[in-house]
């Protein structure tokens, strides 16, 4: 029997196939796939929007596969590049992040296909997930990184392992960017123009 998250991802996979949009799972659900114990049903995915198709048009197709927008604020979507939906069958939320040129496009090319229950799901590559969580820098993200490095020892590209320390709680977060090294990405202290770090849960 499928879990509610797997049911959501199955419908989402069919929806993205219908509009011809490549995508991958990231955030908390990706961390769970790689062995982190998390109690959350939030789902975060990144998608490359169909070329030359209005956002409202392809989102309407996605909705036909069992989703609806949690709120309709087109200006917010344009600013944030995040489309918040809810899966009607399960009531679970899903945030669709629109991939920007550069980093997120590259992460799409390195996503790996894994099974969640009986559903094939493209998932962010593990070293890339570690790097994004280091960049997010919240206590929960750093805890996830520590767990991933422990439970996936030997499976994470050493060149993509994070260095440095997490920002103090409530303290200023240093600006960081990422650079490709082998299969993954690593943090640096410079933030290139246009880099947008997805919000991780």
C-alpha atoms as a PDB file:
ATOM      1  CA  UNK A   1       0.000   0.000   0.000  1.00  0.00           C
ATOM      2  CA  UNK A   2       1.353   3.405  -0.968  1.00  0.00           C
ATOM      3  CA  UNK A   3       2.020   6.165   1.516  1.00  0.00           C
ATOM      4  CA  UNK A   4       0.214   9.493   1.026  1.00  0.00           C
ATOM      5  CA  UNK A   5       3.490  11.085  -0.100  1.00  0.00           C
ATOM      6  CA  UNK A   6       3.941   8.368  -2.730  1.00  0.00           C
ATOM      7  CA  UNK A   7       0.365   8.908  -3.942  1.00  0.00           C
ATOM      8  CA  UNK A   8       1.078  12.624  -4.312  1.00  0.00           C
ATOM      9  CA  UNK A   9       4.346  12.009  -6.164  1.00  0.00           C
ATOM     10  CA  UNK A  10       2.690   9.509  -8.524  1.00  0.00           C
ATOM     11  CA  UNK A  11       0.055  12.065  -9.551  1.00  0.00           C
ATOM     12  CA  UNK A  12       2.678  14.799  -9.797  1.00  0.00           C
ATOM     13  CA  UNK A  13       4.859  12.608 -12.007  1.00  0.00           C
ATOM     14  CA  UNK A  14       1.939  11.995 -14.379  1.00  0.00           C
ATOM     15  CA  UNK A  15       1.158  15.723 -14.415  1.00  0.00           C
ATOM     16  CA  UNK A  16       4.715  16.768 -15.261  1.00  0.00           C
ATOM     17  CA  UNK A  17       4.920  14.057 -17.935  1.00  0.00           C
ATOM     18  CA  UNK A  18       1.748  15.470 -19.483  1.00  0.00           C
ATOM     19  CA  UNK A  19       3.264  18.948 -19.797  1.00  0.00           C
ATOM     20  CA  UNK A  20       6.753  17.687 -20.723  1.00  0.00           C
ATOM     21  CA  UNK A  21       8.486  19.223 -17.704  1.00  0.00           C
ATOM     22  CA  UNK A  22      11.554  17.569 -16.108  1.00  0.00           C
ATOM     23  CA  UNK A  23      11.630  17.779 -12.309  1.00  0.00           C
ATOM     24  CA  UNK A  24      13.211  16.473  -9.135  1.00  0.00           C
ATOM     25  CA  UNK A  25      12.335  16.044  -5.467  1.00  0.00           C
ATOM     26  CA  UNK A  26      14.410  17.968  -2.912  1.00  0.00           C
ATOM     27  CA  UNK A  27      14.045  19.226   0.667  1.00  0.00           C
ATOM     28  CA  UNK A  28      12.776  17.127   3.567  1.00  0.00           C
ATOM     29  CA  UNK A  29      11.325  14.287   1.484  1.00  0.00           C
ATOM     30  CA  UNK A  30      14.620  13.856  -0.360  1.00  0.00           C
ATOM     31  CA  UNK A  31      16.434  13.775   2.983  1.00  0.00           C
ATOM     32  CA  UNK A  32      14.028  11.064   4.154  1.00  0.00           C
ATOM     33  CA  UNK A  33      14.746   9.017   1.021  1.00  0.00           C
ATOM     34  CA  UNK A  34      18.463   9.165   1.859  1.00  0.00           C
ATOM     35  CA  UNK A  35      17.943   8.015   5.450  1.00  0.00           C
ATOM     36  CA  UNK A  36      17.148  11.083   7.572  1.00  0.00           C
ATOM     37  CA  UNK A  37      14.317  10.588  10.055  1.00  0.00           C
ATOM     38  CA  UNK A  38      11.918  13.490   9.554  1.00  0.00           C
ATOM     39  CA  UNK A  39       8.304  13.870  10.658  1.00  0.00           C
ATOM     40  CA  UNK A  40       6.934  16.020   7.851  1.00  0.00           C
ATOM     41  CA  UNK A  41       4.594  15.552   4.931  1.00  0.00           C
ATOM     42  CA  UNK A  42       5.679  18.718   3.121  1.00  0.00           C
ATOM     43  CA  UNK A  43       6.811  18.053  -0.434  1.00  0.00           C
ATOM     44  CA  UNK A  44       9.196  20.300  -2.394  1.00  0.00           C
ATOM     45  CA  UNK A  45      10.034  19.822  -6.051  1.00  0.00           C
ATOM     46  CA  UNK A  46      11.907  21.795  -8.678  1.00  0.00           C
ATOM     47  CA  UNK A  47      10.645  21.778 -12.255  1.00  0.00           C
ATOM     48  CA  UNK A  48      11.857  23.208 -15.544  1.00  0.00           C
ATOM     49  CA  UNK A  49       8.772  25.002 -16.913  1.00  0.00           C
ATOM     50  CA  UNK A  50       7.679  24.056 -20.435  1.00  0.00           C
ATOM     51  CA  UNK A  51       9.218  26.393 -22.972  1.00  0.00           C
ATOM     52  CA  UNK A  52       6.981  29.056 -24.467  1.00  0.00           C
ATOM     53  CA  UNK A  53       3.970  27.969 -22.426  1.00  0.00           C
ATOM     54  CA  UNK A  54       2.315  30.414 -20.036  1.00  0.00           C
ATOM     55  CA  UNK A  55       2.629  29.402 -16.392  1.00  0.00           C
ATOM     56  CA  UNK A  56      -1.149  29.583 -15.880  1.00  0.00           C
ATOM     57  CA  UNK A  57      -1.673  27.182 -18.782  1.00  0.00           C
ATOM     58  CA  UNK A  58       0.595  24.352 -17.660  1.00  0.00           C
ATOM     59  CA  UNK A  59      -0.366  24.766 -14.005  1.00  0.00           C
ATOM     60  CA  UNK A  60      -3.983  24.249 -15.077  1.00  0.00           C
ATOM     61  CA  UNK A  61      -2.923  20.936 -16.620  1.00  0.00           C
ATOM     62  CA  UNK A  62      -1.154  19.954 -13.395  1.00  0.00           C
ATOM     63  CA  UNK A  63      -4.304  20.772 -11.445  1.00  0.00           C
ATOM     64  CA  UNK A  64      -6.250  18.359 -13.645  1.00  0.00           C
ATOM     65  CA  UNK A  65      -4.165  15.542 -12.128  1.00  0.00           C
ATOM     66  CA  UNK A  66      -5.551  16.121  -8.647  1.00  0.00           C
ATOM     67  CA  UNK A  67      -4.011  19.366  -7.429  1.00  0.00           C
ATOM     68  CA  UNK A  68      -5.244  22.840  -6.653  1.00  0.00           C
ATOM     69  CA  UNK A  69      -3.497  26.084  -5.830  1.00  0.00           C
ATOM     70  CA  UNK A  70      -3.371  26.902  -2.139  1.00  0.00           C
ATOM     71  CA  UNK A  71      -3.823  30.561  -2.991  1.00  0.00           C
ATOM     72  CA  UNK A  72      -3.935  32.498  -6.224  1.00  0.00           C
ATOM     73  CA  UNK A  73      -1.449  35.341  -6.219  1.00  0.00           C
ATOM     74  CA  UNK A  74       0.137  35.496  -9.647  1.00  0.00           C
ATOM     75  CA  UNK A  75       2.348  38.435  -8.678  1.00  0.00           C
ATOM     76  CA  UNK A  76       3.787  36.431  -5.781  1.00  0.00           C
ATOM     77  CA  UNK A  77       4.465  33.471  -8.060  1.00  0.00           C
ATOM     78  CA  UNK A  78       6.323  35.712 -10.483  1.00  0.00           C
ATOM     79  CA  UNK A  79       8.436  37.187  -7.675  1.00  0.00           C
ATOM     80  CA  UNK A  80       9.146  34.003  -5.731  1.00  0.00           C
ATOM     81  CA  UNK A  81       9.053  31.477  -8.601  1.00  0.00           C
ATOM     82  CA  UNK A  82       7.241  29.100  -6.256  1.00  0.00           C
ATOM     83  CA  UNK A  83       3.791  27.639  -6.955  1.00  0.00           C
ATOM     84  CA  UNK A  84       2.101  26.362  -3.764  1.00  0.00           C
ATOM     85  CA  UNK A  85      -0.366  23.530  -4.429  1.00  0.00           C
ATOM     86  CA  UNK A  86      -2.281  20.986  -2.382  1.00  0.00           C
ATOM     87  CA  UNK A  87      -2.937  17.378  -3.412  1.00  0.00           C
ATOM     88  CA  UNK A  88      -6.695  16.933  -3.194  1.00  0.00           C
ATOM     89  CA  UNK A  89      -6.671  13.179  -2.509  1.00  0.00           C
ATOM     90  CA  UNK A  90      -4.302  13.371   0.461  1.00  0.00           C
ATOM     91  CA  UNK A  91      -4.520  17.007   1.555  1.00  0.00           C
ATOM     92  CA  UNK A  92      -0.706  17.229   1.458  1.00  0.00           C
ATOM     93  CA  UNK A  93       0.981  20.482   0.404  1.00  0.00           C
ATOM     94  CA  UNK A  94       3.527  20.636  -2.392  1.00  0.00           C
ATOM     95  CA  UNK A  95       5.650  23.607  -3.402  1.00  0.00           C
ATOM     96  CA  UNK A  96       6.749  23.685  -7.028  1.00  0.00           C
ATOM     97  CA  UNK A  97       9.937  25.716  -7.488  1.00  0.00           C
ATOM     98  CA  UNK A  98      10.491  26.961 -11.029  1.00  0.00           C
ATOM     99  CA  UNK A  99      14.071  26.185 -12.021  1.00  0.00           C
ATOM    100  CA  UNK A 100      16.159  29.235 -12.851  1.00  0.00           C
ATOM    101  CA  UNK A 101      19.012  29.107 -15.376  1.00  0.00           C
ATOM    102  CA  UNK A 102      22.302  28.033 -13.840  1.00  0.00           C
ATOM    103  CA  UNK A 103      22.467  26.014 -10.645  1.00  0.00           C
ATOM    104  CA  UNK A 104      18.954  24.586 -10.623  1.00  0.00           C
ATOM    105  CA  UNK A 105      19.186  23.626 -14.280  1.00  0.00           C
ATOM    106  CA  UNK A 106      22.420  21.794 -13.528  1.00  0.00           C
ATOM    107  CA  UNK A 107      20.886  20.000 -10.540  1.00  0.00           C
ATOM    108  CA  UNK A 108      18.161  18.731 -12.866  1.00  0.00           C
ATOM    109  CA  UNK A 109      20.760  17.006 -15.039  1.00  0.00           C
ATOM    110  CA  UNK A 110      22.232  15.183 -12.027  1.00  0.00           C
ATOM    111  CA  UNK A 111      18.993  14.032 -10.376  1.00  0.00           C
ATOM    112  CA  UNK A 112      18.773  10.270  -9.823  1.00  0.00           C
ATOM    113  CA  UNK A 113      15.715   8.034 -10.209  1.00  0.00           C
ATOM    114  CA  UNK A 114      14.748   6.286  -6.969  1.00  0.00           C
ATOM    115  CA  UNK A 115      11.675   4.396  -5.761  1.00  0.00           C
ATOM    116  CA  UNK A 116       9.324   5.711  -3.094  1.00  0.00           C
ATOM    117  CA  UNK A 117       7.070   2.744  -2.468  1.00  0.00           C
ATOM    118  CA  UNK A 118       6.340   1.653  -6.063  1.00  0.00           C
ATOM    119  CA  UNK A 119       6.688   5.116  -7.594  1.00  0.00           C
ATOM    120  CA  UNK A 120       9.750   6.094  -9.635  1.00  0.00           C
ATOM    121  CA  UNK A 121      10.788   9.580  -8.545  1.00  0.00           C
ATOM    122  CA  UNK A 122      13.647  11.811  -9.764  1.00  0.00           C
ATOM    123  CA  UNK A 123      15.469  12.886  -6.601  1.00  0.00           C
ATOM    124  CA  UNK A 124      18.186  15.481  -6.151  1.00  0.00           C
ATOM    125  CA  UNK A 125      21.618  13.857  -6.100  1.00  0.00           C
ATOM    126  CA  UNK A 126      22.755  13.298  -2.519  1.00  0.00           C
ATOM    127  CA  UNK A 127      25.866  15.487  -2.621  1.00  0.00           C
ATOM    128  CA  UNK A 128      23.796  18.312  -4.115  1.00  0.00           C
ATOM    129  CA  UNK A 129      21.223  17.953  -1.334  1.00  0.00           C
ATOM    130  CA  UNK A 130      23.986  18.259   1.265  1.00  0.00           C
ATOM    131  CA  UNK A 131      25.304  21.410  -0.401  1.00  0.00           C
ATOM    132  CA  UNK A 132      21.856  23.040  -0.606  1.00  0.00           C
ATOM    133  CA  UNK A 133      21.230  22.326   3.061  1.00  0.00           C
ATOM    134  CA  UNK A 134      24.584  23.871   3.996  1.00  0.00           C
ATOM    135  CA  UNK A 135      23.612  26.921   1.967  1.00  0.00           C
ATOM    136  CA  UNK A 136      20.219  27.152   3.698  1.00  0.00           C
ATOM    137  CA  UNK A 137      22.125  27.060   6.975  1.00  0.00           C
ATOM    138  CA  UNK A 138      19.227  26.643   9.408  1.00  0.00           C
ATOM    139  CA  UNK A 139      19.719  24.422  12.474  1.00  0.00           C
ATOM    140  CA  UNK A 140      17.362  21.770  11.070  1.00  0.00           C
ATOM    141  CA  UNK A 141      19.270  21.731   7.780  1.00  0.00           C
ATOM    142  CA  UNK A 142      22.621  21.375   9.522  1.00  0.00           C
ATOM    143  CA  UNK A 143      21.226  18.486  11.580  1.00  0.00           C
ATOM    144  CA  UNK A 144      20.157  16.830   8.337  1.00  0.00           C
ATOM    145  CA  UNK A 145      23.644  17.308   6.890  1.00  0.00           C
ATOM    146  CA  UNK A 146      25.243  15.676   9.938  1.00  0.00           C
ATOM    147  CA  UNK A 147      22.858  12.726   9.651  1.00  0.00           C
ATOM    148  CA  UNK A 148      23.399  12.363   5.902  1.00  0.00           C
ATOM    149  CA  UNK A 149      27.170  12.362   6.295  1.00  0.00           C
ATOM    150  CA  UNK A 150      26.842   9.667   8.948  1.00  0.00           C
ATOM    151  CA  UNK A 151      24.300   7.309   7.355  1.00  0.00           C
ATOM    152  CA  UNK A 152      25.596   7.756   3.799  1.00  0.00           C
ATOM    153  CA  UNK A 153      29.297   7.577   4.612  1.00  0.00           C
ATOM    154  CA  UNK A 154      31.124   6.364   1.526  1.00  0.00           C
ATOM    155  CA  UNK A 155      28.307   7.343  -0.820  1.00  0.00           C
ATOM    156  CA  UNK A 156      28.730  11.124  -0.775  1.00  0.00           C
ATOM    157  CA  UNK A 157      31.379  12.680  -2.987  1.00  0.00           C
ATOM    158  CA  UNK A 158      34.073  13.854  -0.537  1.00  0.00           C
ATOM    159  CA  UNK A 159      34.722  16.901  -2.716  1.00  0.00           C
ATOM    160  CA  UNK A 160      31.136  18.002  -2.123  1.00  0.00           C
ATOM    161  CA  UNK A 161      31.295  17.696   1.662  1.00  0.00           C
ATOM    162  CA  UNK A 162      30.615  21.026   3.342  1.00  0.00           C
ATOM    163  CA  UNK A 163      33.334  22.868   5.207  1.00  0.00           C
ATOM    164  CA  UNK A 164      33.115  25.620   7.812  1.00  0.00           C
ATOM    165  CA  UNK A 165      30.560  26.063  10.562  1.00  0.00           C
ATOM    166  CA  UNK A 166      26.862  26.761  10.688  1.00  0.00           C
ATOM    167  CA  UNK A 167      25.738  30.287  11.604  1.00  0.00           C
ATOM    168  CA  UNK A 168      24.843  30.827  15.230  1.00  0.00           C
ATOM    169  CA  UNK A 169      21.133  30.701  16.054  1.00  0.00           C
ATOM    170  CA  UNK A 170      19.724  34.138  15.347  1.00  0.00           C
ATOM    171  CA  UNK A 171      23.006  35.320  13.901  1.00  0.00           C
ATOM    172  CA  UNK A 172      23.683  36.703  10.448  1.00  0.00           C
ATOM    173  CA  UNK A 173      23.971  34.119   7.711  1.00  0.00           C
ATOM    174  CA  UNK A 174      27.005  34.545   5.462  1.00  0.00           C
ATOM    175  CA  UNK A 175      26.368  34.813   1.756  1.00  0.00           C
ATOM    176  CA  UNK A 176      27.432  31.684  -0.018  1.00  0.00           C
ATOM    177  CA  UNK A 177      27.276  30.234  -3.475  1.00  0.00           C
ATOM    178  CA  UNK A 178      28.067  26.867  -4.957  1.00  0.00           C
ATOM    179  CA  UNK A 179      30.506  25.508  -7.490  1.00  0.00           C
ATOM    180  CA  UNK A 180      30.534  22.185  -9.271  1.00  0.00           C
ATOM    181  CA  UNK A 181      33.137  19.644  -8.141  1.00  0.00           C
ATOM    182  CA  UNK A 182      32.872  16.160  -9.595  1.00  0.00           C
ATOM    183  CA  UNK A 183      29.331  14.878  -9.002  1.00  0.00           C
ATOM    184  CA  UNK A 184      28.308  17.561  -6.559  1.00  0.00           C
ATOM    185  CA  UNK A 185      28.477  21.188  -5.558  1.00  0.00           C
ATOM    186  CA  UNK A 186      30.365  22.921  -2.780  1.00  0.00           C
ATOM    187  CA  UNK A 187      29.838  26.162  -0.930  1.00  0.00           C
ATOM    188  CA  UNK A 188      31.956  29.248  -1.355  1.00  0.00           C
ATOM    189  CA  UNK A 189      31.834  32.718   0.165  1.00  0.00           C
ATOM    190  CA  UNK A 190      30.771  34.562  -2.971  1.00  0.00           C
ATOM    191  CA  UNK A 191      27.227  34.822  -4.244  1.00  0.00           C
ATOM    192  CA  UNK A 192      27.003  35.106  -8.022  1.00  0.00           C
ATOM    193  CA  UNK A 193      24.328  37.333  -9.541  1.00  0.00           C
ATOM    194  CA  UNK A 194      20.956  35.665  -9.931  1.00  0.00           C
ATOM    195  CA  UNK A 195      21.601  32.765  -7.531  1.00  0.00           C
ATOM    196  CA  UNK A 196      18.413  31.819  -5.712  1.00  0.00           C
ATOM    197  CA  UNK A 197      18.544  29.301  -2.898  1.00  0.00           C
ATOM    198  CA  UNK A 198      15.308  27.269  -2.681  1.00  0.00           C
ATOM    199  CA  UNK A 199      13.663  27.216   0.745  1.00  0.00           C
ATOM    200  CA  UNK A 200      14.268  23.824   2.323  1.00  0.00           C
ATOM    201  CA  UNK A 201      12.127  22.184   4.963  1.00  0.00           C
END
